Each structure stands twice: as structure tokens, then as C-alpha cells.
Amino acid sequence: MQITRIFTGDDGESHFEDIDVPLEDFGSIGRISKLEDATGVVFREVDADYDFDFHNAPRRQYVINLDAAVEIEVGDGSTRRIEAGGILLAEDTEGRGHCSRAVDHRPRRCIFVTLD
């Protein structure tokens, strides 16, 4: 399973990286990853016009989009659209951080799975 990671590089800027989460075949119940420790779950809803300037992730966390996409811009100028159902691993807790913007004028609901 592929997820998008945001991290802070040695240059103090945030960058994207694609990560493949290995899955093991469990036959009729599907393919499952190894258990990863988490510390909590946060539910979030944002309006259809949000446009958050550069900010850091408050902690290492997975962000799982439930029903709408988000556009993320990182410090090196790259942008990516994370679709509904997409998973982002936010690890840019230092440096300049990233921007988050509404896509298609839709509100967005997501879940944060905290890893601190």
C-alpha cells in the first residue's frame, strides 16, 4: 500500500516521499501490514474554503482523508493532491512546514492517527 510522507530535510524545508507499506497475504481475510503503535485518534472537519499557510505537523501522525481531497504544498515548492481515501504521513514537525488547501470547494473530513 502506498502512502505519501512529508518530512523536513537537512535544508529545513519540507519534502514529499512515497512510501510502500508492506502487506502480508492472509488468504481469505486479505493483505495486512504489521501492527504500528499509535497513541490516539483525532477527528477533523474543515470548511470548503480553507487555505492554511505554512505550518508544521504538531506531532508525527497519519492523516486519512475520508470524503474529499486536499492539496499540500511543501517547502521545496512541490504540490500534491491527496485524494479521498488517501493517506499522508506528516512528519514535518520542524522547519517551515507545509500548506494545506481545499480542493474543488468541498469541505473535508479526515482522521489523524497520532504516533507520538
PDB file of N, CA and C in Angstrom:
ATOM      1  N   MET A   1       0.857  -1.167   0.000  1.00  0.00           N
ATOM      2  CA  MET A   1       0.000   0.000   0.000  1.00  0.00           C
ATOM      3  C   MET A   1       0.900   1.226   0.000  1.00  0.00           C
ATOM      4  N   GLN A   2       0.613   2.170  -0.880  1.00  0.00           N
ATOM      5  CA  GLN A   2       1.446   3.359  -0.973  1.00  0.00           C
ATOM      6  C   GLN A   2       0.826   4.526  -0.203  1.00  0.00           C
ATOM      7  N   ILE A   3       1.673   5.230   0.538  1.00  0.00           N
ATOM      8  CA  ILE A   3       1.266   6.445   1.232  1.00  0.00           C
ATOM      9  C   ILE A   3       2.263   7.544   0.896  1.00  0.00           C
ATOM     10  N   THR A   4       1.866   8.785   1.143  1.00  0.00           N
ATOM     11  CA  THR A   4       2.729   9.933   0.917  1.00  0.00           C
ATOM     12  C   THR A   4       3.251  10.415   2.259  1.00  0.00           C
ATOM     13  N   ARG A   5       4.543  10.630   2.322  1.00  0.00           N
ATOM     14  CA  ARG A   5       5.181  11.135   3.546  1.00  0.00           C
ATOM     15  C   ARG A   5       5.651  12.559   3.304  1.00  0.00           C
ATOM     16  N   ILE A   6       5.476  13.427   4.315  1.00  0.00           N
ATOM     17  CA  ILE A   6       6.082  14.758   4.334  1.00  0.00           C
ATOM     18  C   ILE A   6       7.101  14.754   5.466  1.00  0.00           C
ATOM     19  N   PHE A   7       8.316  15.180   5.162  1.00  0.00           N
ATOM     20  CA  PHE A   7       9.365  15.221   6.176  1.00  0.00           C
ATOM     21  C   PHE A   7      10.188  16.486   6.001  1.00  0.00           C
ATOM     22  N   THR A   8      10.926  16.851   7.041  1.00  0.00           N
ATOM     23  CA  THR A   8      11.811  18.005   6.981  1.00  0.00           C
ATOM     24  C   THR A   8      13.210  17.524   6.622  1.00  0.00           C
ATOM     25  N   GLY A   9      13.763  18.086   5.554  1.00  0.00           N
ATOM     26  CA  GLY A   9      15.113  17.735   5.125  1.00  0.00           C
ATOM     27  C   GLY A   9      16.166  18.517   5.888  1.00  0.00           C
ATOM     28  N   ASP A  10      17.416  18.203   5.608  1.00  0.00           N
ATOM     29  CA  ASP A  10      18.540  18.900   6.233  1.00  0.00           C
ATOM     30  C   ASP A  10      18.538  20.393   5.907  1.00  0.00           C
ATOM     31  N   ASP A  11      17.844  20.778   4.835  1.00  0.00           N
ATOM     32  CA  ASP A  11      17.764  22.182   4.421  1.00  0.00           C
ATOM     33  C   ASP A  11      16.692  22.963   5.184  1.00  0.00           C
ATOM     34  N   GLY A  12      15.971  22.301   6.113  1.00  0.00           N
ATOM     35  CA  GLY A  12      14.924  22.959   6.884  1.00  0.00           C
ATOM     36  C   GLY A  12      13.603  23.072   6.146  1.00  0.00           C
ATOM     37  N   GLU A  13      13.547  22.581   4.918  1.00  0.00           N
ATOM     38  CA  GLU A  13      12.322  22.617   4.111  1.00  0.00           C
ATOM     39  C   GLU A  13      11.648  21.256   4.140  1.00  0.00           C
ATOM     40  N   SER A  14      10.346  21.261   3.933  1.00  0.00           N
ATOM     41  CA  SER A  14       9.609  20.006   3.872  1.00  0.00           C
ATOM     42  C   SER A  14       9.661  19.454   2.446  1.00  0.00           C
ATOM     43  N   HIS A  15       9.577  18.136   2.358  1.00  0.00           N
ATOM     44  CA  HIS A  15       9.665  17.425   1.086  1.00  0.00           C
ATOM     45  C   HIS A  15       8.681  16.258   1.101  1.00  0.00           C
ATOM     46  N   PHE A  16       8.313  15.790  -0.093  1.00  0.00           N
ATOM     47  CA  PHE A  16       7.478  14.600  -0.236  1.00  0.00           C
ATOM     48  C   PHE A  16       8.349  13.368  -0.439  1.00  0.00           C
ATOM     49  N   GLU A  17       7.820  12.239  -0.014  1.00  0.00           N
ATOM     50  CA  GLU A  17       8.415  10.935  -0.293  1.00  0.00           C
ATOM     51  C   GLU A  17       7.271   9.929  -0.391  1.00  0.00           C
ATOM     52  N   ASP A  18       7.358   9.034  -1.368  1.00  0.00           N
ATOM     53  CA  ASP A  18       6.380   7.944  -1.483  1.00  0.00           C
ATOM     54  C   ASP A  18       6.910   6.753  -0.702  1.00  0.00           C
ATOM     55  N   ILE A  19       6.051   6.177   0.113  1.00  0.00           N
ATOM     56  CA  ILE A  19       6.419   5.026   0.941  1.00  0.00           C
ATOM     57  C   ILE A  19       5.498   3.866   0.610  1.00  0.00           C
ATOM     58  N   ASP A  20       6.068   2.694   0.477  1.00  0.00           N
ATOM     59  CA  ASP A  20       5.275   1.481   0.316  1.00  0.00           C
ATOM     60  C   ASP A  20       5.213   0.764   1.651  1.00  0.00           C
ATOM     61  N   VAL A  21       4.011   0.577   2.163  1.00  0.00           N
ATOM     62  CA  VAL A  21       3.806  -0.178   3.399  1.00  0.00           C
ATOM     63  C   VAL A  21       3.663  -1.638   3.001  1.00  0.00           C
ATOM     64  N   PRO A  22       4.581  -2.498   3.462  1.00  0.00           N
ATOM     65  CA  PRO A  22       4.494  -3.914   3.093  1.00  0.00           C
ATOM     66  C   PRO A  22       3.251  -4.573   3.673  1.00  0.00           C
ATOM     67  N   LEU A  23       2.621  -5.391   2.868  1.00  0.00           N
ATOM     68  CA  LEU A  23       1.441  -6.137   3.291  1.00  0.00           C
ATOM     69  C   LEU A  23       1.722  -7.625   3.157  1.00  0.00           C
ATOM     70  N   GLU A  24       1.277  -8.381   4.137  1.00  0.00           N
ATOM     71  CA  GLU A  24       1.429  -9.833   4.115  1.00  0.00           C
ATOM     72  C   GLU A  24       0.086 -10.459   3.747  1.00  0.00           C
ATOM     73  N   ASP A  25       0.133 -11.470   2.900  1.00  0.00           N
ATOM     74  CA  ASP A  25      -1.089 -12.133   2.447  1.00  0.00           C
ATOM     75  C   ASP A  25      -1.624 -13.060   3.536  1.00  0.00           C
ATOM     76  N   PHE A  26      -2.855 -12.814   3.962  1.00  0.00           N
ATOM     77  CA  PHE A  26      -3.512 -13.640   4.962  1.00  0.00           C
ATOM     78  C   PHE A  26      -4.678 -14.409   4.356  1.00  0.00           C
ATOM     79  N   GLY A  27      -4.553 -14.728   3.081  1.00  0.00           N
ATOM     80  CA  GLY A  27      -5.554 -15.544   2.417  1.00  0.00           C
ATOM     81  C   GLY A  27      -6.898 -14.855   2.297  1.00  0.00           C
ATOM     82  N   SER A  28      -7.935 -15.524   2.774  1.00  0.00           N
ATOM     83  CA  SER A  28      -9.298 -15.044   2.560  1.00  0.00           C
ATOM     84  C   SER A  28      -9.622 -13.742   3.298  1.00  0.00           C
ATOM     85  N   ILE A  29      -8.817 -13.367   4.291  1.00  0.00           N
ATOM     86  CA  ILE A  29      -9.099 -12.115   5.004  1.00  0.00           C
ATOM     87  C   ILE A  29      -8.324 -10.933   4.427  1.00  0.00           C
ATOM     88  N   GLY A  30      -7.516 -11.155   3.407  1.00  0.00           N
ATOM     89  CA  GLY A  30      -6.849 -10.061   2.713  1.00  0.00           C
ATOM     90  C   GLY A  30      -5.389  -9.904   3.058  1.00  0.00           C
ATOM     91  N   ARG A  31      -4.837  -8.749   2.701  1.00  0.00           N
ATOM     92  CA  ARG A  31      -3.435  -8.431   2.932  1.00  0.00           C
ATOM     93  C   ARG A  31      -3.360  -7.412   4.060  1.00  0.00           C
ATOM     94  N   ILE A  32      -2.479  -7.658   5.028  1.00  0.00           N
ATOM     95  CA  ILE A  32      -2.427  -6.858   6.252  1.00  0.00           C
ATOM     96  C   ILE A  32      -0.987  -6.445   6.536  1.00  0.00           C
ATOM     97  N   SER A  33      -0.815  -5.202   6.995  1.00  0.00           N
ATOM     98  CA  SER A  33       0.510  -4.720   7.394  1.00  0.00           C
ATOM     99  C   SER A  33       0.827  -5.191   8.809  1.00  0.00           C
ATOM    100  N   LYS A  34       2.074  -4.975   9.210  1.00  0.00           N
ATOM    101  CA  LYS A  34       2.443  -5.215  10.599  1.00  0.00           C
ATOM    102  C   LYS A  34       1.798  -4.142  11.459  1.00  0.00           C
ATOM    103  N   LEU A  35       1.561  -4.458  12.718  1.00  0.00           N
ATOM    104  CA  LEU A  35       0.973  -3.527  13.670  1.00  0.00           C
ATOM    105  C   LEU A  35       1.933  -2.371  13.921  1.00  0.00           C
ATOM    106  N   GLU A  36       1.414  -1.154  13.879  1.00  0.00           N
ATOM    107  CA  GLU A  36       2.204   0.030  14.206  1.00  0.00           C
ATOM    108  C   GLU A  36       1.594   0.683  15.435  1.00  0.00           C
ATOM    109  N   ASP A  37       2.448   1.008  16.405  1.00  0.00           N
ATOM    110  CA  ASP A  37       1.958   1.641  17.627  1.00  0.00           C
ATOM    111  C   ASP A  37       1.421   3.038  17.327  1.00  0.00           C
ATOM    112  N   ALA A  38       0.297   3.374  17.931  1.00  0.00           N
ATOM    113  CA  ALA A  38      -0.306   4.697  17.807  1.00  0.00           C
ATOM    114  C   ALA A  38      -0.731   5.145  19.203  1.00  0.00           C
ATOM    115  N   THR A  39      -0.908   6.472  19.351  1.00  0.00           N
ATOM    116  CA  THR A  39      -1.234   6.996  20.675  1.00  0.00           C
ATOM    117  C   THR A  39      -2.636   7.580  20.776  1.00  0.00           C
ATOM    118  N   GLY A  40      -3.274   7.841  19.652  1.00  0.00           N
ATOM    119  CA  GLY A  40      -4.603   8.419  19.714  1.00  0.00           C
ATOM    120  C   GLY A  40      -5.206   8.619  18.340  1.00  0.00           C
ATOM    121  N   VAL A  41      -6.446   9.030  18.345  1.00  0.00           N
ATOM    122  CA  VAL A  41      -7.182   9.311  17.112  1.00  0.00           C
ATOM    123  C   VAL A  41      -7.873  10.659  17.283  1.00  0.00           C
ATOM    124  N   VAL A  42      -7.764  11.509  16.258  1.00  0.00           N
ATOM    125  CA  VAL A  42      -8.410  12.817  16.257  1.00  0.00           C
ATOM    126  C   VAL A  42      -9.269  12.899  15.002  1.00  0.00           C
ATOM    127  N   PHE A  43     -10.500  13.377  15.150  1.00  0.00           N
ATOM    128  CA  PHE A  43     -11.396  13.576  14.018  1.00  0.00           C
ATOM    129  C   PHE A  43     -11.401  15.059  13.678  1.00  0.00           C
ATOM    130  N   ARG A  44     -11.394  15.369  12.379  1.00  0.00           N
ATOM    131  CA  ARG A  44     -11.340  16.776  11.969  1.00  0.00           C
ATOM    132  C   ARG A  44     -12.266  17.030  10.791  1.00  0.00           C
ATOM    133  N   GLU A  45     -12.853  18.225  10.802  1.00  0.00           N
ATOM    134  CA  GLU A  45     -13.676  18.673   9.689  1.00  0.00           C
ATOM    135  C   GLU A  45     -13.281  20.119   9.393  1.00  0.00           C
ATOM    136  N   VAL A  46     -13.043  20.441   8.113  1.00  0.00           N
ATOM    137  CA  VAL A  46     -12.700  21.807   7.717  1.00  0.00           C
ATOM    138  C   VAL A  46     -13.663  22.262   6.630  1.00  0.00           C
ATOM    139  N   ASP A  47     -13.896  23.574   6.592  1.00  0.00           N
ATOM    140  CA  ASP A  47     -14.824  24.156   5.623  1.00  0.00           C
ATOM    141  C   ASP A  47     -14.269  24.087   4.201  1.00  0.00           C
ATOM    142  N   ALA A  48     -15.129  24.352   3.246  1.00  0.00           N
ATOM    143  CA  ALA A  48     -14.801  24.216   1.826  1.00  0.00           C
ATOM    144  C   ALA A  48     -13.853  25.287   1.307  1.00  0.00           C
ATOM    145  N   ASP A  49     -13.550  26.293   2.116  1.00  0.00           N
ATOM    146  CA  ASP A  49     -12.696  27.383   1.647  1.00  0.00           C
ATOM    147  C   ASP A  49     -11.383  27.498   2.426  1.00  0.00           C
ATOM    148  N   TYR A  50     -10.972  26.444   3.144  1.00  0.00           N
ATOM    149  CA  TYR A  50      -9.764  26.568   3.952  1.00  0.00           C
ATOM    150  C   TYR A  50      -8.524  26.692   3.064  1.00  0.00           C
ATOM    151  N   ASP A  51      -7.561  27.453   3.568  1.00  0.00           N
ATOM    152  CA  ASP A  51      -6.282  27.668   2.886  1.00  0.00           C
ATOM    153  C   ASP A  51      -5.272  28.006   3.978  1.00  0.00           C
ATOM    154  N   PHE A  52      -4.665  26.971   4.551  1.00  0.00           N
ATOM    155  CA  PHE A  52      -3.759  27.153   5.677  1.00  0.00           C
ATOM    156  C   PHE A  52      -2.347  27.404   5.172  1.00  0.00           C
ATOM    157  N   ASP A  53      -1.758  28.515   5.587  1.00  0.00           N
ATOM    158  CA  ASP A  53      -0.395  28.875   5.211  1.00  0.00           C
ATOM    159  C   ASP A  53       0.582  27.873   5.843  1.00  0.00           C
ATOM    160  N   PHE A  54       1.854  28.089   5.633  1.00  0.00           N
ATOM    161  CA  PHE A  54       2.859  27.153   6.132  1.00  0.00           C
ATOM    162  C   PHE A  54       2.704  26.918   7.625  1.00  0.00           C
ATOM    163  N   HIS A  55       2.694  25.662   7.994  1.00  0.00           N
ATOM    164  CA  HIS A  55       2.583  25.240   9.384  1.00  0.00           C
ATOM    165  C   HIS A  55       3.231  23.865   9.512  1.00  0.00           C
ATOM    166  N   ASN A  56       3.631  23.536  10.714  1.00  0.00           N
ATOM    167  CA  ASN A  56       4.218  22.230  10.992  1.00  0.00           C
ATOM    168  C   ASN A  56       3.150  21.261  11.470  1.00  0.00           C
ATOM    169  N   ALA A  57       3.398  19.998  11.241  1.00  0.00           N
ATOM    170  CA  ALA A  57       2.576  18.972  11.878  1.00  0.00           C
ATOM    171  C   ALA A  57       2.846  19.066  13.381  1.00  0.00           C
ATOM    172  N   PRO A  58       1.820  19.004  14.220  1.00  0.00           N
ATOM    173  CA  PRO A  58       2.037  19.139  15.662  1.00  0.00           C
ATOM    174  C   PRO A  58       2.726  17.924  16.287  1.00  0.00           C
ATOM    175  N   ARG A  59       2.724  16.828  15.547  1.00  0.00           N
ATOM    176  CA  ARG A  59       3.335  15.567  16.004  1.00  0.00           C
ATOM    177  C   ARG A  59       3.400  14.661  14.790  1.00  0.00           C
ATOM    178  N   ARG A  60       4.109  13.569  14.879  1.00  0.00           N
ATOM    179  CA  ARG A  60       4.067  12.565  13.808  1.00  0.00           C
ATOM    180  C   ARG A  60       2.654  12.000  13.787  1.00  0.00           C
ATOM    181  N   GLN A  61       2.059  11.966  12.595  1.00  0.00           N
ATOM    182  CA  GLN A  61       0.691  11.469  12.515  1.00  0.00           C
ATOM    183  C   GLN A  61       0.333  11.064  11.091  1.00  0.00           C
ATOM    184  N   TYR A  62      -0.514  10.069  11.009  1.00  0.00           N
ATOM    185  CA  TYR A  62      -1.141   9.728   9.735  1.00  0.00           C
ATOM    186  C   TYR A  62      -2.378  10.602   9.586  1.00  0.00           C
ATOM    187  N   VAL A  63      -2.611  11.088   8.379  1.00  0.00           N
ATOM    188  CA  VAL A  63      -3.819  11.835   8.062  1.00  0.00           C
ATOM    189  C   VAL A  63      -4.544  11.040   6.982  1.00  0.00           C
ATOM    190  N   ILE A  64      -5.759  10.604   7.279  1.00  0.00           N
ATOM    191  CA  ILE A  64      -6.533   9.771   6.359  1.00  0.00           C
ATOM    192  C   ILE A  64      -7.733  10.583   5.896  1.00  0.00           C
ATOM    193  N   ASN A  65      -7.756  10.921   4.618  1.00  0.00           N
ATOM    194  CA  ASN A  65      -8.879  11.678   4.052  1.00  0.00           C
ATOM    195  C   ASN A  65     -10.074  10.757   3.893  1.00  0.00           C
ATOM    196  N   LEU A  66     -11.207  11.183   4.401  1.00  0.00           N
ATOM    197  CA  LEU A  66     -12.404  10.351   4.316  1.00  0.00           C
ATOM    198  C   LEU A  66     -13.252  10.639   3.081  1.00  0.00           C
ATOM    199  N   ASP A  67     -13.511  11.928   2.788  1.00  0.00           N
ATOM    200  CA  ASP A  67     -14.522  12.219   1.779  1.00  0.00           C
ATOM    201  C   ASP A  67     -14.161  13.311   0.778  1.00  0.00           C
ATOM    202  N   ALA A  68     -12.980  13.874   0.866  1.00  0.00           N
ATOM    203  CA  ALA A  68     -12.571  14.921  -0.076  1.00  0.00           C
ATOM    204  C   ALA A  68     -11.059  14.951  -0.168  1.00  0.00           C
ATOM    205  N   ALA A  69     -10.572  15.568  -1.216  1.00  0.00           N
ATOM    206  CA  ALA A  69      -9.134  15.695  -1.441  1.00  0.00           C
ATOM    207  C   ALA A  69      -8.596  16.931  -0.738  1.00  0.00           C
ATOM    208  N   VAL A  70      -7.276  17.019  -0.653  1.00  0.00           N
ATOM    209  CA  VAL A  70      -6.570  18.181  -0.137  1.00  0.00           C
ATOM    210  C   VAL A  70      -5.358  18.415  -1.029  1.00  0.00           C
ATOM    211  N   GLU A  71      -4.997  19.684  -1.229  1.00  0.00           N
ATOM    212  CA  GLU A  71      -3.749  19.999  -1.918  1.00  0.00           C
ATOM    213  C   GLU A  71      -2.735  20.397  -0.860  1.00  0.00           C
ATOM    214  N   ILE A  72      -1.575  19.756  -0.910  1.00  0.00           N
ATOM    215  CA  ILE A  72      -0.494  20.029   0.025  1.00  0.00           C
ATOM    216  C   ILE A  72       0.664  20.639  -0.754  1.00  0.00           C
ATOM    217  N   GLU A  73       1.220  21.710  -0.239  1.00  0.00           N
ATOM    218  CA  GLU A  73       2.437  22.308  -0.797  1.00  0.00           C
ATOM    219  C   GLU A  73       3.523  22.205   0.250  1.00  0.00           C
ATOM    220  N   VAL A  74       4.706  21.738  -0.152  1.00  0.00           N
ATOM    221  CA  VAL A  74       5.825  21.622   0.775  1.00  0.00           C
ATOM    222  C   VAL A  74       6.833  22.729   0.503  1.00  0.00           C
ATOM    223  N   GLY A  75       7.802  22.854   1.402  1.00  0.00           N
ATOM    224  CA  GLY A  75       8.756  23.948   1.366  1.00  0.00           C
ATOM    225  C   GLY A  75       9.616  24.016   0.126  1.00  0.00           C
ATOM    226  N   ASP A  76       9.790  22.898  -0.573  1.00  0.00           N
ATOM    227  CA  ASP A  76      10.605  22.934  -1.796  1.00  0.00           C
ATOM    228  C   ASP A  76       9.793  23.388  -3.008  1.00  0.00           C
ATOM    229  N   GLY A  77       8.506  23.764  -2.785  1.00  0.00           N
ATOM    230  CA  GLY A  77       7.653  24.264  -3.856  1.00  0.00           C
ATOM    231  C   GLY A  77       6.796  23.216  -4.542  1.00  0.00           C
ATOM    232  N   SER A  78       6.998  21.946  -4.238  1.00  0.00           N
ATOM    233  CA  SER A  78       6.211  20.867  -4.837  1.00  0.00           C
ATOM    234  C   SER A  78       4.806  20.843  -4.236  1.00  0.00           C
ATOM    235  N   THR A  79       3.830  20.452  -5.048  1.00  0.00           N
ATOM    236  CA  THR A  79       2.470  20.268  -4.552  1.00  0.00           C
ATOM    237  C   THR A  79       1.982  18.878  -4.934  1.00  0.00           C
ATOM    238  N   ARG A  80       1.100  18.365  -4.098  1.00  0.00           N
ATOM    239  CA  ARG A  80       0.441  17.092  -4.392  1.00  0.00           C
ATOM    240  C   ARG A  80      -0.999  17.178  -3.939  1.00  0.00           C
ATOM    241  N   ARG A  81      -1.823  16.488  -4.673  1.00  0.00           N
ATOM    242  CA  ARG A  81      -3.233  16.344  -4.310  1.00  0.00           C
ATOM    243  C   ARG A  81      -3.387  14.961  -3.683  1.00  0.00           C
ATOM    244  N   ILE A  82      -3.848  14.933  -2.452  1.00  0.00           N
ATOM    245  CA  ILE A  82      -4.113  13.679  -1.748  1.00  0.00           C
ATOM    246  C   ILE A  82      -5.623  13.478  -1.825  1.00  0.00           C
ATOM    247  N   GLU A  83      -6.036  12.454  -2.521  1.00  0.00           N
ATOM    248  CA  GLU A  83      -7.460  12.215  -2.788  1.00  0.00           C
ATOM    249  C   GLU A  83      -8.189  11.661  -1.570  1.00  0.00           C
ATOM    250  N   ALA A  84      -9.514  11.639  -1.642  1.00  0.00           N
ATOM    251  CA  ALA A  84     -10.323  10.967  -0.631  1.00  0.00           C
ATOM    252  C   ALA A  84      -9.863   9.516  -0.555  1.00  0.00           C
ATOM    253  N   GLY A  85      -9.678   9.020   0.649  1.00  0.00           N
ATOM    254  CA  GLY A  85      -9.160   7.674   0.842  1.00  0.00           C
ATOM    255  C   GLY A  85      -7.643   7.626   0.894  1.00  0.00           C
ATOM    256  N   GLY A  86      -6.977   8.730   0.532  1.00  0.00           N
ATOM    257  CA  GLY A  86      -5.515   8.781   0.554  1.00  0.00           C
ATOM    258  C   GLY A  86      -4.989   8.938   1.968  1.00  0.00           C
ATOM    259  N   ILE A  87      -3.736   8.511   2.141  1.00  0.00           N
ATOM    260  CA  ILE A  87      -3.102   8.551   3.454  1.00  0.00           C
ATOM    261  C   ILE A  87      -1.816   9.356   3.362  1.00  0.00           C
ATOM    262  N   LEU A  88      -1.645  10.262   4.299  1.00  0.00           N
ATOM    263  CA  LEU A  88      -0.464  11.109   4.395  1.00  0.00           C
ATOM    264  C   LEU A  88       0.206  10.830   5.733  1.00  0.00           C
ATOM    265  N   LEU A  89       1.517  10.646   5.728  1.00  0.00           N
ATOM    266  CA  LEU A  89       2.287  10.548   6.966  1.00  0.00           C
ATOM    267  C   LEU A  89       2.977  11.893   7.159  1.00  0.00           C
ATOM    268  N   ALA A  90       2.495  12.685   8.118  1.00  0.00           N
ATOM    269  CA  ALA A  90       3.038  14.015   8.365  1.00  0.00           C
ATOM    270  C   ALA A  90       4.120  13.925   9.431  1.00  0.00           C
ATOM    271  N   GLU A  91       5.357  14.202   9.028  1.00  0.00           N
ATOM    272  CA  GLU A  91       6.487  14.151   9.953  1.00  0.00           C
ATOM    273  C   GLU A  91       7.306  15.445   9.913  1.00  0.00           C
ATOM    274  N   ASP A  92       6.765  16.494   9.328  1.00  0.00           N
ATOM    275  CA  ASP A  92       7.492  17.767   9.247  1.00  0.00           C
ATOM    276  C   ASP A  92       7.192  18.614  10.483  1.00  0.00           C
ATOM    277  N   THR A  93       7.641  18.128  11.625  1.00  0.00           N
ATOM    278  CA  THR A  93       7.386  18.787  12.904  1.00  0.00           C
ATOM    279  C   THR A  93       8.348  19.939  13.166  1.00  0.00           C
ATOM    280  N   GLU A  94       9.350  20.107  12.323  1.00  0.00           N
ATOM    281  CA  GLU A  94      10.322  21.203  12.434  1.00  0.00           C
ATOM    282  C   GLU A  94      10.462  21.854  11.069  1.00  0.00           C
ATOM    283  N   GLY A  95      11.185  22.961  11.014  1.00  0.00           N
ATOM    284  CA  GLY A  95      11.391  23.639   9.742  1.00  0.00           C
ATOM    285  C   GLY A  95      10.187  24.486   9.370  1.00  0.00           C
ATOM    286  N   ARG A  96      10.059  24.794   8.076  1.00  0.00           N
ATOM    287  CA  ARG A  96       8.989  25.690   7.618  1.00  0.00           C
ATOM    288  C   ARG A  96       7.630  25.007   7.560  1.00  0.00           C
ATOM    289  N   GLY A  97       7.591  23.725   7.348  1.00  0.00           N
ATOM    290  CA  GLY A  97       6.318  23.017   7.311  1.00  0.00           C
ATOM    291  C   GLY A  97       5.697  22.975   5.925  1.00  0.00           C
ATOM    292  N   HIS A  98       4.373  22.884   5.880  1.00  0.00           N
ATOM    293  CA  HIS A  98       3.640  22.708   4.628  1.00  0.00           C
ATOM    294  C   HIS A  98       2.364  23.557   4.645  1.00  0.00           C
ATOM    295  N   CYS A  99       1.763  23.742   3.478  1.00  0.00           N
ATOM    296  CA  CYS A  99       0.474  24.423   3.328  1.00  0.00           C
ATOM    297  C   CYS A  99      -0.583  23.372   2.995  1.00  0.00           C
ATOM    298  N   SER A 100      -1.818  23.627   3.401  1.00  0.00           N
ATOM    299  CA  SER A 100      -2.953  22.745   3.090  1.00  0.00           C
ATOM    300  C   SER A 100      -4.077  23.592   2.514  1.00  0.00           C
ATOM    301  N   ARG A 101      -4.651  23.142   1.389  1.00  0.00           N
ATOM    302  CA  ARG A 101      -5.711  23.913   0.737  1.00  0.00           C
ATOM    303  C   ARG A 101      -6.889  23.021   0.355  1.00  0.00           C
ATOM    304  N   ALA A 102      -8.073  23.626   0.397  1.00  0.00           N
ATOM    305  CA  ALA A 102      -9.286  22.950  -0.056  1.00  0.00           C
ATOM    306  C   ALA A 102      -9.181  22.666  -1.556  1.00  0.00           C
ATOM    307  N   VAL A 103      -9.823  21.615  -1.975  1.00  0.00           N
ATOM    308  CA  VAL A 103      -9.858  21.228  -3.388  1.00  0.00           C
ATOM    309  C   VAL A 103     -11.323  21.144  -3.813  1.00  0.00           C
ATOM    310  N   ASP A 104     -11.627  21.665  -4.975  1.00  0.00           N
ATOM    311  CA  ASP A 104     -12.981  21.570  -5.552  1.00  0.00           C
ATOM    312  C   ASP A 104     -14.051  22.215  -4.680  1.00  0.00           C
ATOM    313  N   HIS A 105     -13.664  23.166  -3.830  1.00  0.00           N
ATOM    314  CA  HIS A 105     -14.612  23.884  -2.971  1.00  0.00           C
ATOM    315  C   HIS A 105     -15.473  22.919  -2.151  1.00  0.00           C
ATOM    316  N   ARG A 106     -14.818  21.889  -1.613  1.00  0.00           N
ATOM    317  CA  ARG A 106     -15.529  20.904  -0.798  1.00  0.00           C
ATOM    318  C   ARG A 106     -14.990  20.900   0.622  1.00  0.00           C
ATOM    319  N   PRO A 107     -15.867  20.783   1.612  1.00  0.00           N
ATOM    320  CA  PRO A 107     -15.379  20.570   2.973  1.00  0.00           C
ATOM    321  C   PRO A 107     -14.703  19.204   3.032  1.00  0.00           C
ATOM    322  N   ARG A 108     -13.879  19.011   4.041  1.00  0.00           N
ATOM    323  CA  ARG A 108     -13.140  17.748   4.134  1.00  0.00           C
ATOM    324  C   ARG A 108     -13.203  17.224   5.553  1.00  0.00           C
ATOM    325  N   ARG A 109     -13.453  15.936   5.649  1.00  0.00           N
ATOM    326  CA  ARG A 109     -13.372  15.236   6.924  1.00  0.00           C
ATOM    327  C   ARG A 109     -12.192  14.286   6.847  1.00  0.00           C
ATOM    328  N   CYS A 110     -11.437  14.233   7.929  1.00  0.00           N
ATOM    329  CA  CYS A 110     -10.280  13.333   7.964  1.00  0.00           C
ATOM    330  C   CYS A 110     -10.064  12.836   9.385  1.00  0.00           C
ATOM    331  N   ILE A 111      -9.229  11.840   9.473  1.00  0.00           N
ATOM    332  CA  ILE A 111      -8.857  11.253  10.758  1.00  0.00           C
ATOM    333  C   ILE A 111      -7.355  11.372  10.896  1.00  0.00           C
ATOM    334  N   PHE A 112      -6.896  11.840  12.068  1.00  0.00           N
ATOM    335  CA  PHE A 112      -5.469  11.837  12.399  1.00  0.00           C
ATOM    336  C   PHE A 112      -5.223  10.667  13.336  1.00  0.00           C
ATOM    337  N   VAL A 113      -4.247   9.850  13.007  1.00  0.00           N
ATOM    338  CA  VAL A 113      -3.810   8.773  13.896  1.00  0.00           C
ATOM    339  C   VAL A 113      -2.441   9.205  14.420  1.00  0.00           C
ATOM    340  N   THR A 114      -2.388   9.577  15.696  1.00  0.00           N
ATOM    341  CA  THR A 114      -1.172  10.159  16.258  1.00  0.00           C
ATOM    342  C   THR A 114      -0.154   9.079  16.620  1.00  0.00           C
ATOM    343  N   LEU A 115       1.116   9.408  16.383  1.00  0.00           N
ATOM    344  CA  LEU A 115       2.197   8.440  16.558  1.00  0.00           C
ATOM    345  C   LEU A 115       3.231   8.899  17.580  1.00  0.00           C
ATOM    346  N   ASP A 116       2.929   9.935  18.378  1.00  0.00           N
ATOM    347  CA  ASP A 116       3.926  10.470  19.309  1.00  0.00           C
ATOM    348  C   ASP A 116       4.102   9.585  20.528  1.00  0.00           C
TER     349      ASP A 116
END
